[in-house]
N, C-alpha and C. Protein backbone atom coordinates (compact mmCIF):
# COMPACT_ATOMS: atom_id res chain seq x y z
N UNK A 1 19.61 28.89 10.47
CA UNK A 1 19.41 28.42 8.81
C UNK A 1 19.62 29.70 7.62
N UNK A 2 20.27 29.89 7.44
CA UNK A 2 20.19 30.64 6.19
C UNK A 2 20.08 30.11 4.84
N UNK A 3 18.96 31.34 3.97
CA UNK A 3 18.75 30.37 2.58
C UNK A 3 19.20 31.10 1.65
N UNK A 4 20.10 30.97 0.30
CA UNK A 4 20.10 32.11 -0.94
C UNK A 4 19.58 31.33 -1.76
N UNK A 5 20.00 31.71 -2.80
CA UNK A 5 19.53 31.70 -4.62
C UNK A 5 20.51 32.64 -5.26
N UNK A 6 20.16 31.50 -6.20
CA UNK A 6 21.88 32.05 -7.48
C UNK A 6 21.09 31.98 -8.70
N UNK A 7 20.07 32.77 -9.05
CA UNK A 7 19.41 32.62 -10.14
C UNK A 7 20.32 32.91 -11.70
N UNK A 8 19.44 32.34 -12.58
CA UNK A 8 19.92 32.18 -14.00
C UNK A 8 21.60 31.49 -13.77
N UNK A 9 21.65 30.32 -13.15
CA UNK A 9 23.20 30.09 -12.76
C UNK A 9 23.86 29.23 -14.03
N UNK A 10 25.17 29.48 -14.03
CA UNK A 10 25.47 28.90 -15.33
C UNK A 10 25.18 27.67 -15.68
N UNK A 11 24.87 27.40 -16.84
CA UNK A 11 24.17 25.71 -17.23
C UNK A 11 25.65 24.65 -16.74
N UNK A 12 26.74 24.88 -16.37
CA UNK A 12 27.68 24.14 -16.28
C UNK A 12 27.77 23.48 -14.81
N UNK A 13 27.02 24.64 -13.97
CA UNK A 13 26.78 24.31 -12.34
C UNK A 13 26.03 22.87 -12.48
N UNK A 14 25.32 22.77 -13.15
CA UNK A 14 24.24 21.68 -12.63
C UNK A 14 24.79 20.49 -13.74
N UNK A 15 26.02 20.45 -13.88
CA UNK A 15 27.23 19.52 -13.99
C UNK A 15 27.57 19.31 -12.58
N UNK A 16 27.26 18.30 -11.91
CA UNK A 16 28.03 18.17 -10.39
C UNK A 16 29.48 18.08 -10.37
N UNK A 17 30.45 17.61 -11.18
CA UNK A 17 31.51 17.91 -11.14
C UNK A 17 32.10 19.62 -11.16
N UNK A 18 30.85 19.91 -12.12
CA UNK A 18 31.64 21.52 -12.06
C UNK A 18 31.25 22.49 -11.28
N UNK A 19 30.31 21.91 -10.33
CA UNK A 19 29.75 22.86 -9.36
C UNK A 19 30.65 22.47 -8.39
N UNK A 20 31.13 21.19 -8.01
CA UNK A 20 32.18 21.40 -7.36
C UNK A 20 33.28 21.58 -7.13
N UNK A 21 33.61 22.05 -8.73
CA UNK A 21 34.86 22.44 -8.45
C UNK A 21 34.70 24.16 -8.09
N UNK A 22 33.72 24.53 -8.66
CA UNK A 22 33.41 25.74 -7.88
C UNK A 22 33.18 26.13 -6.12
N UNK A 23 32.50 25.45 -6.43
CA UNK A 23 32.40 25.34 -4.45
C UNK A 23 32.88 24.39 -3.97
N UNK A 24 34.32 24.35 -3.24
CA UNK A 24 35.03 23.30 -3.00
C UNK A 24 34.83 22.62 -1.54
N UNK A 25 33.12 22.65 -1.58
CA UNK A 25 32.79 21.51 -0.50
C UNK A 25 33.70 20.46 -0.14
N UNK A 26 33.87 19.88 0.71
CA UNK A 26 35.24 18.29 0.76
C UNK A 26 33.92 16.90 0.98
N UNK A 27 33.55 16.69 -0.55
CA UNK A 27 32.99 15.64 -0.39
C UNK A 27 33.02 14.47 0.92
N UNK A 28 33.72 13.75 0.88
CA UNK A 28 34.23 13.14 1.34
C UNK A 28 34.38 13.25 3.42
N UNK A 29 34.24 14.79 3.35
CA UNK A 29 33.81 14.90 4.72
C UNK A 29 32.54 14.94 5.38
N UNK A 30 31.09 14.48 4.40
CA UNK A 30 30.19 14.63 4.89
C UNK A 30 29.35 13.09 4.19
N UNK A 31 27.97 12.87 4.61
CA UNK A 31 27.84 11.74 4.25
C UNK A 31 26.48 12.70 3.43
N UNK A 32 25.95 11.85 2.36
CA UNK A 32 25.16 12.95 1.39
C UNK A 32 23.56 12.13 1.16
N UNK A 33 22.56 13.15 1.21
CA UNK A 33 21.28 12.17 0.52
C UNK A 33 21.32 13.22 -0.45
N UNK A 34 20.97 12.36 -1.73
CA UNK A 34 20.70 12.80 -3.04
C UNK A 34 19.08 12.78 -3.37
N UNK A 35 17.99 13.70 -3.36
CA UNK A 35 16.85 13.52 -3.82
C UNK A 35 16.62 13.88 -5.32
N UNK A 36 15.26 13.52 -5.49
CA UNK A 36 14.65 13.66 -7.10
C UNK A 36 16.04 12.86 -8.22
N UNK A 37 16.08 11.46 -7.66
CA UNK A 37 16.81 11.22 -8.33
C UNK A 37 16.63 10.78 -10.24
N UNK A 38 15.95 10.49 -10.02
CA UNK A 38 15.32 10.04 -11.67
C UNK A 38 15.47 11.59 -12.34
N UNK A 39 15.66 12.68 -11.97
CA UNK A 39 15.69 13.85 -12.50
C UNK A 39 17.25 14.23 -12.97
N UNK A 40 18.00 13.25 -12.41
CA UNK A 40 19.60 13.64 -12.88
C UNK A 40 19.90 12.39 -14.10
N UNK A 41 20.98 12.70 -14.72
CA UNK A 41 21.12 11.87 -16.02
C UNK A 41 23.18 11.62 -15.93
N UNK A 42 23.64 10.55 -16.67
CA UNK A 42 24.96 10.13 -16.80
C UNK A 42 25.22 10.85 -18.09
N UNK A 43 26.00 11.64 -18.38
CA UNK A 43 26.38 12.00 -19.84
C UNK A 43 27.77 11.78 -20.37
N UNK A 44 28.08 10.25 -19.21
CA UNK A 44 29.47 10.05 -20.10
C UNK A 44 29.25 8.98 -20.91
N UNK A 45 30.51 8.95 -22.03
CA UNK A 45 30.06 8.13 -22.95
C UNK A 45 29.35 7.34 -23.26
N UNK A 46 28.99 6.44 -22.33
CA UNK A 46 28.23 5.09 -22.30
C UNK A 46 26.89 5.35 -21.69
N UNK A 47 27.03 6.56 -21.04
CA UNK A 47 25.70 6.99 -20.48
C UNK A 47 24.65 6.15 -20.04
N UNK A 48 24.85 4.62 -19.45
CA UNK A 48 23.83 3.67 -18.98
C UNK A 48 24.05 3.88 -17.20
N UNK A 49 25.38 4.60 -16.20
CA UNK A 49 25.66 4.02 -15.18
C UNK A 49 24.54 4.60 -14.40
N UNK A 50 23.86 6.01 -14.33
CA UNK A 50 23.01 6.04 -13.38
C UNK A 50 21.98 5.34 -13.42
N UNK A 51 21.22 4.24 -13.74
CA UNK A 51 20.64 3.91 -13.27
C UNK A 51 20.77 2.66 -13.03
N UNK A 52 22.37 2.57 -13.11
CA UNK A 52 23.13 1.11 -12.26
C UNK A 52 23.43 1.51 -11.14
N UNK A 53 23.75 2.85 -10.97
CA UNK A 53 23.76 3.63 -9.78
C UNK A 53 22.71 3.69 -8.29
N UNK A 54 21.40 4.20 -9.11
CA UNK A 54 20.36 4.18 -8.26
C UNK A 54 19.74 3.03 -7.82
N UNK A 55 19.63 2.17 -8.93
CA UNK A 55 19.11 0.33 -8.84
C UNK A 55 17.81 0.69 -9.06
N UNK A 56 16.77 0.14 -7.99
CA UNK A 56 15.36 0.15 -7.87
C UNK A 56 15.08 1.62 -7.18
N UNK A 57 15.66 2.13 -7.16
CA UNK A 57 15.28 3.56 -6.22
C UNK A 57 14.72 4.28 -7.10
N UNK A 58 13.07 5.01 -6.75
CA UNK A 58 12.98 5.96 -7.49
C UNK A 58 13.02 7.37 -6.74
N UNK A 59 13.19 7.49 -5.40
CA UNK A 59 13.24 8.47 -4.81
C UNK A 59 14.12 9.10 -4.17
N UNK A 60 15.46 8.35 -3.14
CA UNK A 60 16.36 9.11 -3.06
C UNK A 60 17.76 7.92 -2.68
N UNK A 61 18.70 8.54 -2.59
CA UNK A 61 19.90 7.77 -2.51
C UNK A 61 20.10 8.66 -0.83
N UNK A 62 20.96 7.81 0.33
CA UNK A 62 21.14 8.35 1.53
C UNK A 62 22.93 7.54 1.13
N UNK A 63 24.24 7.72 1.06
CA UNK A 63 25.45 7.60 0.50
C UNK A 63 26.41 8.32 1.22
N UNK A 64 27.29 7.65 1.73
CA UNK A 64 28.60 8.29 2.23
C UNK A 64 29.51 9.26 1.26
N UNK A 65 29.91 9.78 1.77
CA UNK A 65 30.98 10.93 1.21
C UNK A 65 31.77 10.08 0.39
N UNK A 66 32.34 9.22 0.46
CA UNK A 66 33.04 8.61 -0.64
C UNK A 66 32.62 7.80 -1.53
N UNK A 67 31.30 7.28 -0.99
CA UNK A 67 31.03 6.89 -2.43
C UNK A 67 30.35 7.65 -3.36
N UNK A 68 30.00 9.00 -2.91
CA UNK A 68 29.68 10.28 -3.85
C UNK A 68 30.65 10.51 -4.80
N UNK A 69 32.13 10.65 -3.57
CA UNK A 69 33.14 11.03 -4.42
C UNK A 69 33.44 9.97 -5.73
N UNK A 70 33.64 8.95 -5.63
CA UNK A 70 33.56 7.96 -6.51
C UNK A 70 32.95 7.94 -7.28
N UNK A 71 31.45 7.98 -7.66
CA UNK A 71 30.44 8.71 -8.78
C UNK A 71 30.84 9.97 -9.40
N UNK A 72 31.57 10.77 -8.94
CA UNK A 72 31.73 11.77 -9.36
C UNK A 72 33.17 11.64 -10.38
N UNK A 73 33.62 11.07 -9.40
CA UNK A 73 34.99 10.83 -10.34
C UNK A 73 35.02 10.02 -11.56
N UNK A 74 33.91 9.33 -11.66
CA UNK A 74 34.11 8.36 -12.23
C UNK A 74 32.65 8.97 -13.92
N UNK A 75 31.98 9.59 -13.09
CA UNK A 75 30.93 9.42 -14.18
C UNK A 75 30.47 11.16 -14.10
N UNK A 76 29.58 11.30 -15.22
CA UNK A 76 29.39 13.06 -15.94
C UNK A 76 28.07 13.52 -15.38
N UNK A 77 27.46 13.52 -14.46
CA UNK A 77 26.06 13.45 -13.58
C UNK A 77 25.49 15.02 -13.57
N UNK A 78 24.87 14.69 -14.90
CA UNK A 78 24.00 16.56 -15.07
C UNK A 78 22.77 16.62 -14.27
N UNK A 79 22.24 17.44 -13.91
CA UNK A 79 21.39 17.41 -12.52
C UNK A 79 20.33 18.75 -13.78
N UNK A 80 18.51 17.96 -13.62
CA UNK A 80 17.78 19.19 -13.78
C UNK A 80 16.52 19.51 -12.41
N UNK A 81 16.35 18.43 -11.83
CA UNK A 81 15.95 18.81 -10.50
C UNK A 81 16.61 18.14 -9.57
N UNK A 82 17.01 18.60 -8.46
CA UNK A 82 17.64 17.41 -7.48
C UNK A 82 17.46 18.21 -6.35
N UNK A 83 17.66 17.92 -4.82
CA UNK A 83 18.63 18.17 -3.83
C UNK A 83 19.93 17.48 -3.54
N UNK A 84 20.83 18.06 -2.98
CA UNK A 84 22.03 17.48 -2.68
C UNK A 84 21.40 17.55 -1.37
N UNK A 85 21.71 17.01 -0.42
CA UNK A 85 21.63 17.51 1.39
C UNK A 85 22.94 16.90 2.22
N UNK A 86 24.09 17.52 2.80
CA UNK A 86 25.30 17.05 3.16
C UNK A 86 24.67 16.63 4.93
N UNK A 87 24.95 15.83 5.80
CA UNK A 87 24.72 15.42 6.50
C UNK A 87 26.54 15.22 7.57
N UNK A 88 27.17 15.35 8.43
CA UNK A 88 27.73 15.17 9.32
C UNK A 88 28.36 13.80 8.96
N UNK A 89 29.88 13.45 9.01
CA UNK A 89 30.03 12.16 8.52
C UNK A 89 29.07 11.05 9.33
N UNK A 90 29.39 11.50 10.79
CA UNK A 90 28.65 10.10 11.78
C UNK A 90 27.27 10.25 11.96
N UNK A 91 26.48 10.64 10.83
CA UNK A 91 25.34 10.04 10.51
C UNK A 91 25.21 9.32 9.42
N UNK A 92 25.03 7.71 10.28
CA UNK A 92 24.91 6.93 9.31
C UNK A 92 23.62 6.86 8.40
N UNK A 93 23.77 6.45 7.35
CA UNK A 93 22.65 6.58 6.28
C UNK A 93 21.39 5.59 6.80
N UNK A 94 20.18 5.76 6.89
CA UNK A 94 19.14 5.57 7.51
C UNK A 94 17.79 5.63 6.35
N UNK A 95 16.98 4.87 6.54
CA UNK A 95 15.53 5.01 5.78
C UNK A 95 15.06 6.21 6.37
N UNK A 96 14.66 6.98 4.94
CA UNK A 96 14.11 8.66 5.70
C UNK A 96 12.74 8.27 5.72
N UNK A 97 12.12 9.14 6.25
CA UNK A 97 10.25 8.69 6.60
C UNK A 97 9.82 10.26 5.61
N UNK A 98 10.93 11.12 5.25
CA UNK A 98 10.32 12.35 4.32
C UNK A 98 12.01 12.94 3.84
N UNK A 99 11.64 12.70 2.77
CA UNK A 99 12.61 13.03 1.39
C UNK A 99 12.66 14.58 0.82
N UNK A 100 14.05 14.69 0.78
CA UNK A 100 13.93 16.45 0.08
C UNK A 100 13.63 16.09 -1.50
N UNK A 101 12.94 17.03 -1.86
CA UNK A 101 12.83 16.95 -3.79
C UNK A 101 12.14 18.57 -4.00
N UNK A 102 12.64 18.90 -4.97
CA UNK A 102 12.18 20.43 -5.36
C UNK A 102 11.38 20.13 -6.41
N UNK A 103 11.34 18.91 -7.53
CA UNK A 103 10.51 19.08 -8.58
C UNK A 103 8.71 18.71 -8.11
N UNK A 104 8.28 19.84 -7.80
CA UNK A 104 6.91 19.82 -7.59
C UNK A 104 6.69 20.02 -6.09
N UNK A 105 7.25 20.40 -5.37
CA UNK A 105 7.36 20.76 -4.01
C UNK A 105 7.14 22.23 -3.68
N UNK A 106 5.73 22.83 -3.47
CA UNK A 106 5.89 23.64 -3.03
C UNK A 106 6.69 24.55 -1.79
N UNK A 107 6.51 23.48 -0.94
CA UNK A 107 7.58 23.72 0.39
C UNK A 107 9.04 24.07 0.35
N UNK A 108 9.29 23.79 -0.79
CA UNK A 108 10.74 23.86 -0.84
C UNK A 108 11.09 25.64 -1.12
N UNK A 109 10.06 26.12 -1.72
CA UNK A 109 10.19 27.36 -2.11
C UNK A 109 9.29 28.18 -0.84
N UNK A 110 9.19 27.96 0.11
CA UNK A 110 8.59 28.47 0.94
C UNK A 110 10.43 29.32 1.77
N UNK A 111 9.86 30.38 2.18
CA UNK A 111 10.85 31.14 3.37
C UNK A 111 11.60 31.04 4.10
N UNK A 112 10.75 30.08 4.82
CA UNK A 112 10.89 29.13 6.19
C UNK A 112 10.90 27.66 5.97
N UNK A 113 11.79 27.24 4.90
CA UNK A 113 11.90 25.75 4.55
C UNK A 113 12.90 25.46 5.33
N UNK A 114 12.49 24.04 5.58
CA UNK A 114 13.65 23.48 6.80
C UNK A 114 13.36 21.81 5.96
N UNK A 115 14.98 21.49 5.76
CA UNK A 115 15.32 20.61 5.36
C UNK A 115 14.65 19.22 5.74
N UNK A 116 13.85 18.16 5.11
CA UNK A 116 13.08 17.13 6.11
C UNK A 116 14.08 16.44 6.62
N UNK A 117 15.89 16.62 6.19
CA UNK A 117 16.65 15.87 7.02
C UNK A 117 17.21 16.32 8.19
N UNK A 118 16.68 16.04 9.71
CA UNK A 118 17.06 16.62 10.68
C UNK A 118 18.73 17.04 10.61
N UNK A 119 19.70 16.13 9.87
CA UNK A 119 20.69 16.48 10.38
C UNK A 119 21.22 17.01 9.33
N UNK A 120 20.97 17.71 8.27
CA UNK A 120 21.40 18.96 7.61
C UNK A 120 22.26 20.02 7.91
N UNK A 121 23.62 19.83 7.48
CA UNK A 121 24.17 20.94 7.55
C UNK A 121 24.24 22.13 6.33
N UNK A 122 24.23 21.26 4.93
CA UNK A 122 24.37 22.44 3.55
C UNK A 122 23.35 21.32 2.65
N UNK A 123 21.83 22.50 2.02
CA UNK A 123 21.24 21.67 1.25
C UNK A 123 21.35 22.73 -0.46
N UNK A 124 21.63 21.98 -1.17
CA UNK A 124 21.64 22.60 -2.73
C UNK A 124 20.07 22.08 -3.46
N UNK A 125 19.17 22.59 -3.74
CA UNK A 125 18.27 22.30 -4.92
C UNK A 125 18.56 23.11 -6.09
N UNK A 126 18.58 22.08 -7.27
CA UNK A 126 18.86 22.30 -8.66
C UNK A 126 17.39 22.58 -9.04
N UNK A 127 17.27 23.78 -9.78
CA UNK A 127 15.75 23.81 -9.99
C UNK A 127 15.77 24.16 -11.60
N UNK A 128 15.50 23.18 -12.05
CA UNK A 128 15.08 23.67 -13.22
C UNK A 128 16.57 23.36 -14.45
N UNK A 129 17.72 23.21 -13.97
CA UNK A 129 18.66 23.72 -14.77
C UNK A 129 18.86 25.18 -15.13
N UNK A 130 18.04 26.39 -14.42
CA UNK A 130 18.54 27.53 -14.18
C UNK A 130 18.85 28.27 -12.66
N UNK A 131 18.16 27.40 -11.49
CA UNK A 131 18.08 28.49 -10.42
C UNK A 131 18.61 27.43 -9.56
N UNK A 132 19.64 27.63 -8.28
CA UNK A 132 20.36 27.03 -7.65
C UNK A 132 19.66 27.97 -5.99
N UNK A 133 18.95 26.81 -5.07
CA UNK A 133 18.84 27.50 -4.48
C UNK A 133 19.55 26.90 -2.44
N UNK A 134 19.70 27.62 -1.82
CA UNK A 134 20.94 26.80 -1.12
C UNK A 134 20.50 27.47 0.07
N UNK A 135 20.34 26.21 1.31
CA UNK A 135 20.26 26.33 2.59
C UNK A 135 21.48 25.75 3.26
N UNK A 136 21.67 26.65 4.79
CA UNK A 136 23.01 26.23 5.03
C UNK A 136 23.00 26.86 6.72
N UNK A 137 23.65 25.87 7.67
CA UNK A 137 23.25 25.53 9.12
C UNK A 137 24.87 25.67 9.25
N UNK A 138 25.85 25.71 8.80
CA UNK A 138 27.25 26.25 9.15
C UNK A 138 27.57 27.72 8.88
N UNK A 139 28.56 28.28 9.82
CA UNK A 139 28.99 29.08 8.87
C UNK A 139 29.98 29.35 8.05
N UNK A 140 31.02 28.43 8.63
CA UNK A 140 31.95 28.00 7.91
C UNK A 140 31.80 27.84 6.08
N UNK A 141 30.63 26.69 6.04
CA UNK A 141 29.95 26.84 4.61
C UNK A 141 29.47 27.78 3.78
N UNK A 142 28.48 28.69 4.97
CA UNK A 142 28.18 29.97 4.46
C UNK A 142 29.14 30.58 3.94
N UNK A 143 30.11 31.07 4.87
CA UNK A 143 31.37 31.87 4.36
C UNK A 143 32.17 31.49 2.43
N UNK A 144 31.93 30.35 2.96
CA UNK A 144 32.85 29.37 1.79
C UNK A 144 31.87 29.40 0.29
N UNK A 145 30.35 29.20 0.35
CA UNK A 145 29.17 29.84 -0.72
C UNK A 145 29.69 31.46 -1.05
N UNK A 146 29.32 31.98 -0.14
CA UNK A 146 29.41 33.26 -0.66
C UNK A 146 30.34 33.92 -1.26
N UNK A 147 31.92 32.85 -0.79
CA UNK A 147 33.11 33.24 -1.48
C UNK A 147 33.03 32.91 -2.65
N UNK A 148 32.40 31.67 -3.10
CA UNK A 148 32.59 30.54 -4.44
C UNK A 148 31.11 31.34 -5.13
N UNK A 149 30.30 32.26 -4.72
CA UNK A 149 29.31 32.58 -6.12
C UNK A 149 29.13 33.85 -5.45
N UNK A 150 29.39 34.65 -6.13
CA UNK A 150 29.83 36.08 -5.51
C UNK A 150 28.37 36.97 -6.28
N UNK A 151 27.14 36.67 -6.71
CA UNK A 151 25.95 36.78 -7.40
C UNK A 151 24.82 36.40 -6.36
N UNK A 152 25.49 35.45 -5.52
CA UNK A 152 24.46 34.99 -4.51
C UNK A 152 23.60 35.96 -4.26
N UNK A 153 22.44 35.61 -4.08
CA UNK A 153 21.25 37.06 -3.20
C UNK A 153 20.32 36.13 -2.47
N UNK A 154 20.00 36.84 -1.38
CA UNK A 154 19.31 36.29 -0.11
C UNK A 154 17.92 35.33 -0.74
N UNK A 155 17.86 34.66 -0.36
CA UNK A 155 16.28 33.99 -0.96
C UNK A 155 15.35 34.54 -0.48
N UNK A 156 15.08 35.95 0.45
CA UNK A 156 13.60 36.18 0.33
C UNK A 156 13.56 37.53 -0.91
N UNK A 157 14.58 37.52 -1.79
CA UNK A 157 14.79 38.23 -3.03
C UNK A 157 14.57 37.76 -4.17
N UNK A 158 14.33 36.33 -3.75
CA UNK A 158 14.20 35.23 -4.94
C UNK A 158 13.12 35.90 -5.67
N UNK A 159 12.65 35.96 -6.80
CA UNK A 159 11.32 36.08 -7.31
C UNK A 159 10.79 34.90 -7.55
N UNK A 160 10.11 34.00 -6.83
CA UNK A 160 9.59 32.46 -7.43
C UNK A 160 8.04 32.84 -7.88
């Protein structure tokens, strides 16, 4: 597992569509756990869709890559605090006993942090519309991450 940080990230990267334009991880090739869902919002013209998407949930979504892709194609989702965790496509969504989250989670900022989603291959924490923290468990994704974000630095150099 490797951890990296992009400090003072361009605010456009907190719009999920823009994030995935710069970091071209194929969304539909994974299933996704999305934590801190109450710290996200829809900036589309009629702006009420995020509550429709999350329904009664207050902690996380566990959705297929196809569902996530549809959300991103249809809405303009902005993140303040959140964690996106990619898991292998064959991982069937299940009820999590521990949920990944950033806002108020001191463990997330530890050097030896491990995602509570045991199948995690990639995780990005969006921190207060400022910093991005990445946890990567696959070499191919790590190479893609470094190519997409040249200012990336090892997490141990992050000044929390």
